[in-house]
Each structure stands twice: as structure tokens, then as C-alpha cells.
N, C-alpha and C. Protein backbone atom coordinates (compact mmCIF):
# COMPACT_ATOMS: atom_id res chain seq x y z
N MET A 1 34.70 209.24 -4.74
CA MET A 1 35.19 210.49 -5.28
C MET A 1 34.25 211.01 -6.35
N LEU A 2 33.85 212.23 -6.21
CA LEU A 2 33.04 212.85 -7.24
C LEU A 2 33.95 213.31 -8.36
N ILE A 3 33.36 213.50 -9.54
CA ILE A 3 34.19 213.87 -10.68
C ILE A 3 34.78 215.29 -10.47
N LYS A 4 34.17 216.14 -9.73
CA LYS A 4 34.70 217.48 -9.50
C LYS A 4 35.80 217.51 -8.50
N ASP A 5 35.98 216.41 -7.72
CA ASP A 5 37.05 216.35 -6.73
C ASP A 5 38.43 216.25 -7.41
N ILE A 6 39.42 216.84 -6.78
CA ILE A 6 40.76 216.73 -7.26
C ILE A 6 41.40 215.50 -6.63
N PRO A 7 41.96 214.61 -7.43
CA PRO A 7 42.57 213.40 -6.86
C PRO A 7 43.77 213.76 -5.94
N LYS A 8 43.92 212.96 -4.90
CA LYS A 8 44.97 213.19 -3.93
C LYS A 8 45.76 211.89 -3.76
N ILE A 9 47.04 212.04 -3.44
CA ILE A 9 47.89 210.88 -3.24
C ILE A 9 48.50 211.02 -1.83
N ARG A 10 48.53 209.89 -1.13
CA ARG A 10 49.20 209.82 0.17
C ARG A 10 50.29 208.75 0.05
N VAL A 11 51.51 209.18 0.20
CA VAL A 11 52.67 208.29 0.11
C VAL A 11 53.15 207.94 1.52
N PHE A 12 53.34 206.64 1.79
CA PHE A 12 53.87 206.17 3.06
C PHE A 12 55.28 205.66 2.82
N GLU A 13 56.23 206.17 3.60
CA GLU A 13 57.66 205.83 3.42
C GLU A 13 58.37 205.80 4.74
N ASN A 14 59.67 205.74 4.68
CA ASN A 14 60.53 205.82 5.86
C ASN A 14 61.46 207.00 5.69
N ALA A 15 61.61 207.78 6.73
CA ALA A 15 62.51 208.96 6.68
C ALA A 15 63.98 208.55 6.57
N TYR A 16 64.29 207.33 6.99
CA TYR A 16 65.66 206.87 6.94
C TYR A 16 65.80 205.76 5.92
N TYR A 17 66.93 205.71 5.27
CA TYR A 17 67.23 204.59 4.34
C TYR A 17 67.66 203.39 5.20
N GLN A 18 67.02 202.25 5.01
CA GLN A 18 67.35 201.06 5.78
C GLN A 18 68.72 200.50 5.37
N THR A 19 69.59 200.32 6.36
CA THR A 19 70.93 199.82 6.09
C THR A 19 71.41 198.93 7.23
N TYR A 20 72.33 198.06 6.92
CA TYR A 20 72.89 197.14 7.90
C TYR A 20 73.97 197.84 8.76
N TYR A 21 74.35 199.04 8.37
CA TYR A 21 75.52 199.69 8.97
C TYR A 21 75.16 201.00 9.62
N THR A 22 75.94 201.40 10.60
CA THR A 22 75.78 202.74 11.14
C THR A 22 76.18 203.72 10.07
N THR A 23 75.35 204.76 9.87
CA THR A 23 75.58 205.70 8.81
C THR A 23 76.07 207.03 9.42
N LYS A 24 77.18 207.54 8.87
CA LYS A 24 77.79 208.75 9.40
C LYS A 24 76.85 209.96 9.24
N SER A 25 76.27 210.09 8.06
CA SER A 25 75.34 211.22 7.81
C SER A 25 74.29 210.78 6.79
N MET A 26 73.06 211.11 7.05
CA MET A 26 71.97 210.70 6.16
C MET A 26 70.96 211.82 6.01
N LYS A 27 70.56 212.07 4.78
CA LYS A 27 69.54 213.05 4.45
C LYS A 27 68.62 212.47 3.41
N THR A 28 67.31 212.60 3.59
CA THR A 28 66.33 212.04 2.66
C THR A 28 65.52 213.19 2.08
N THR A 29 65.37 213.20 0.76
CA THR A 29 64.62 214.25 0.09
C THR A 29 63.52 213.62 -0.77
N PHE A 30 62.31 214.12 -0.63
CA PHE A 30 61.16 213.70 -1.47
C PHE A 30 60.75 214.92 -2.28
N LYS A 31 60.56 214.70 -3.54
CA LYS A 31 60.05 215.78 -4.44
C LYS A 31 58.63 215.40 -4.90
N TYR A 32 57.76 216.40 -4.92
CA TYR A 32 56.44 216.16 -5.51
C TYR A 32 56.26 217.09 -6.69
N PRO A 33 55.31 216.78 -7.58
CA PRO A 33 55.21 217.50 -8.85
C PRO A 33 54.95 219.00 -8.71
N GLU A 34 55.45 219.75 -9.66
CA GLU A 34 55.30 221.20 -9.68
C GLU A 34 53.83 221.60 -9.70
N TYR A 35 52.98 220.84 -10.35
CA TYR A 35 51.58 221.19 -10.47
C TYR A 35 50.75 220.73 -9.27
N SER A 36 51.34 220.10 -8.31
CA SER A 36 50.66 219.58 -7.14
C SER A 36 50.70 220.58 -5.96
N THR A 37 49.75 220.41 -5.05
CA THR A 37 49.73 221.23 -3.83
C THR A 37 49.94 220.30 -2.65
N LEU A 38 50.88 220.61 -1.82
CA LEU A 38 51.12 219.80 -0.62
C LEU A 38 49.98 220.05 0.38
N LEU A 39 49.37 218.99 0.85
CA LEU A 39 48.30 219.08 1.83
C LEU A 39 48.84 218.87 3.24
N ASP A 40 49.67 217.90 3.39
CA ASP A 40 50.22 217.59 4.74
C ASP A 40 51.41 216.64 4.60
N PHE A 41 52.26 216.60 5.62
CA PHE A 41 53.36 215.65 5.67
C PHE A 41 53.78 215.49 7.10
N THR A 42 54.45 214.39 7.40
CA THR A 42 54.94 214.11 8.76
C THR A 42 56.04 215.09 9.11
N LYS A 43 55.84 215.76 10.25
CA LYS A 43 56.85 216.73 10.71
C LYS A 43 57.47 216.21 11.99
N PHE A 44 58.79 216.17 12.01
CA PHE A 44 59.53 215.83 13.23
C PHE A 44 60.89 216.47 13.12
N ASP A 45 61.79 216.17 14.06
CA ASP A 45 63.08 216.80 14.14
C ASP A 45 63.81 216.86 12.82
N LYS A 46 64.23 218.05 12.42
CA LYS A 46 65.01 218.31 11.18
C LYS A 46 64.23 217.98 9.91
N SER A 47 62.92 218.27 9.90
CA SER A 47 62.14 218.12 8.66
C SER A 47 61.78 219.51 8.18
N SER A 48 61.76 219.67 6.82
CA SER A 48 61.41 220.95 6.25
C SER A 48 60.76 220.79 4.89
N GLU A 49 60.05 221.82 4.47
CA GLU A 49 59.40 221.82 3.16
C GLU A 49 59.68 223.13 2.46
N LYS A 50 60.24 223.04 1.23
CA LYS A 50 60.47 224.24 0.46
C LYS A 50 60.65 223.86 -1.01
N SER A 51 60.19 224.68 -1.88
CA SER A 51 60.40 224.51 -3.33
C SER A 51 60.00 223.13 -3.85
N LYS A 52 58.79 222.68 -3.44
CA LYS A 52 58.26 221.39 -3.89
C LYS A 52 59.14 220.19 -3.45
N LYS A 53 59.88 220.38 -2.32
CA LYS A 53 60.71 219.27 -1.78
C LYS A 53 60.45 219.21 -0.30
N ILE A 54 60.45 217.99 0.23
CA ILE A 54 60.40 217.73 1.68
C ILE A 54 61.69 217.05 2.04
N GLU A 55 62.38 217.60 3.01
CA GLU A 55 63.66 217.08 3.42
C GLU A 55 63.62 216.64 4.88
N TYR A 56 64.23 215.47 5.13
CA TYR A 56 64.43 214.95 6.47
C TYR A 56 65.90 214.78 6.69
N GLY A 57 66.46 215.48 7.70
CA GLY A 57 67.88 215.40 7.97
C GLY A 57 68.59 216.67 7.66
N ALA A 58 69.86 216.69 7.77
CA ALA A 58 70.80 215.55 7.81
C ALA A 58 70.89 215.06 9.26
N TYR A 59 70.88 213.74 9.38
CA TYR A 59 71.03 213.09 10.67
C TYR A 59 72.43 212.50 10.76
N GLN A 60 73.03 212.58 11.92
CA GLN A 60 74.40 212.14 12.14
C GLN A 60 74.37 210.80 12.92
N ASN A 61 75.29 209.90 12.59
CA ASN A 61 75.51 208.63 13.26
C ASN A 61 74.22 207.85 13.47
N VAL A 62 73.56 207.53 12.36
CA VAL A 62 72.29 206.82 12.40
C VAL A 62 72.56 205.34 12.62
N PRO A 63 71.99 204.70 13.65
CA PRO A 63 72.19 203.30 13.90
C PRO A 63 71.58 202.42 12.77
N PRO A 64 72.06 201.15 12.66
CA PRO A 64 71.45 200.25 11.66
C PRO A 64 69.96 200.08 11.87
N PHE A 65 69.24 199.92 10.81
CA PHE A 65 67.80 199.62 10.82
C PHE A 65 66.96 200.68 11.51
N THR A 66 67.41 201.90 11.60
CA THR A 66 66.62 202.96 12.19
C THR A 66 65.36 203.20 11.30
N SER A 67 64.25 203.39 11.98
CA SER A 67 62.99 203.56 11.21
C SER A 67 62.18 204.70 11.76
N GLN A 68 61.60 205.48 10.88
CA GLN A 68 60.69 206.58 11.24
C GLN A 68 59.67 206.69 10.12
N PRO A 69 58.45 206.02 10.34
CA PRO A 69 57.42 206.11 9.31
C PRO A 69 56.97 207.53 9.05
N ILE A 70 56.77 207.84 7.79
CA ILE A 70 56.29 209.17 7.43
C ILE A 70 55.23 209.05 6.35
N PHE A 71 54.50 210.15 6.17
CA PHE A 71 53.54 210.19 5.02
C PHE A 71 53.64 211.56 4.39
N ILE A 72 53.32 211.63 3.09
CA ILE A 72 53.25 212.87 2.34
C ILE A 72 51.95 212.84 1.59
N HIS A 73 51.15 213.88 1.74
CA HIS A 73 49.82 213.92 1.15
C HIS A 73 49.73 215.19 0.23
N PHE A 74 49.45 214.94 -1.06
CA PHE A 74 49.41 216.07 -2.00
C PHE A 74 48.37 215.82 -3.08
N THR A 75 47.98 216.87 -3.75
CA THR A 75 47.01 216.74 -4.86
C THR A 75 47.76 216.25 -6.09
N HIS A 76 47.01 215.57 -6.98
CA HIS A 76 47.62 215.04 -8.19
C HIS A 76 46.52 214.87 -9.22
N ASP A 77 46.46 215.74 -10.21
CA ASP A 77 45.36 215.71 -11.16
C ASP A 77 45.78 215.17 -12.56
N ARG A 78 46.83 214.40 -12.59
CA ARG A 78 47.31 213.80 -13.84
C ARG A 78 47.31 212.29 -13.74
N PRO A 79 47.37 211.59 -14.84
CA PRO A 79 47.38 210.11 -14.78
C PRO A 79 48.63 209.61 -14.09
N LEU A 80 48.48 208.51 -13.35
CA LEU A 80 49.61 207.92 -12.67
C LEU A 80 50.24 206.81 -13.50
N PRO A 81 51.56 206.70 -13.49
CA PRO A 81 52.20 205.57 -14.18
C PRO A 81 52.00 204.30 -13.41
N LEU A 82 52.00 203.22 -14.11
CA LEU A 82 51.91 201.89 -13.49
C LEU A 82 53.20 201.14 -13.73
N PHE A 83 53.87 200.77 -12.67
CA PHE A 83 55.14 200.06 -12.74
C PHE A 83 54.89 198.62 -12.33
N LYS A 84 55.33 197.71 -13.18
CA LYS A 84 55.21 196.29 -12.90
C LYS A 84 56.48 195.75 -12.26
N ASN A 85 57.59 196.49 -12.50
CA ASN A 85 58.89 196.06 -11.97
C ASN A 85 59.72 197.32 -11.70
N VAL A 86 60.30 197.41 -10.50
CA VAL A 86 61.12 198.58 -10.15
C VAL A 86 62.47 198.07 -9.64
N THR A 87 63.55 198.68 -10.08
CA THR A 87 64.88 198.34 -9.61
C THR A 87 65.49 199.57 -8.96
N ARG A 88 65.96 199.38 -7.75
CA ARG A 88 66.63 200.47 -7.01
C ARG A 88 68.12 200.24 -7.10
N THR A 89 68.89 201.25 -7.55
CA THR A 89 70.33 201.14 -7.65
C THR A 89 70.98 202.04 -6.64
N ILE A 90 71.89 201.45 -5.86
CA ILE A 90 72.57 202.20 -4.81
C ILE A 90 74.07 202.01 -5.02
N THR A 91 74.80 203.08 -4.99
CA THR A 91 76.25 202.98 -5.11
C THR A 91 76.90 203.25 -3.78
N VAL A 92 77.71 202.34 -3.33
CA VAL A 92 78.47 202.46 -2.09
C VAL A 92 79.92 202.56 -2.48
N SER A 93 80.55 203.65 -2.05
CA SER A 93 81.96 203.84 -2.36
C SER A 93 82.81 203.54 -1.15
N HIS A 94 83.78 202.67 -1.28
CA HIS A 94 84.72 202.37 -0.25
C HIS A 94 85.99 203.22 -0.37
N TRP A 95 85.95 204.11 -1.35
CA TRP A 95 87.08 204.99 -1.65
C TRP A 95 86.69 206.41 -1.27
N GLU A 96 86.36 206.64 -0.03
CA GLU A 96 85.82 207.89 0.42
C GLU A 96 86.72 209.08 0.11
N SER A 97 88.01 208.92 0.22
CA SER A 97 88.93 210.05 0.02
C SER A 97 89.34 210.27 -1.44
N ILE A 98 88.86 209.40 -2.35
CA ILE A 98 89.25 209.55 -3.75
C ILE A 98 88.15 210.21 -4.54
């Protein structure tokens, strides 16, 4: 990379959240920074890009362990944070009607 080049980031992810259970409805949203320019992203059924967000879904009755690899490629001209430990918190409610 030359110094005049704008740094770019390519993120590889899954369009579906991995779960042991059939999911009634699932929608995945990725946000990229306001100062970034989207270069490319994986496009397939029910994917869209608007207002610095890429959305996949909503998908209905998703089987367990469904997988769809995707990538998002955008410019990023600011320093990146370094995480040594990340914790993901997910809340599952068994009280759907409450």
C-alpha cells in the first residue's frame, strides 16, 4: 500500500446467526462508518444497502445451522481498535407474549 492509498477493510461474516434451533424470523444488519464508502458487498435474496447499513432478510423459518458466507468491502481511513477479548451477549426470551 502506498501512503496515498486509502485503507480498505473487507469483513467476512455469515448472513445468518448460527443457532441450534429453527428460527421463525431472522434479519441481520451490518453498519459501516459514516465517513466510509462502500465498495462492494455480497448480494443475494433479500439483501439491501441504504443509509450506511447492509441488511440481509428478514428470512422466515430458518433451519438450524444455516450458513451463507458474505463479505463487506469499504474504505476506512481512521485507526482501527484492537480487541484482545470480545464477549457476545444474546438474550433469548421464552416469554414471547409478555
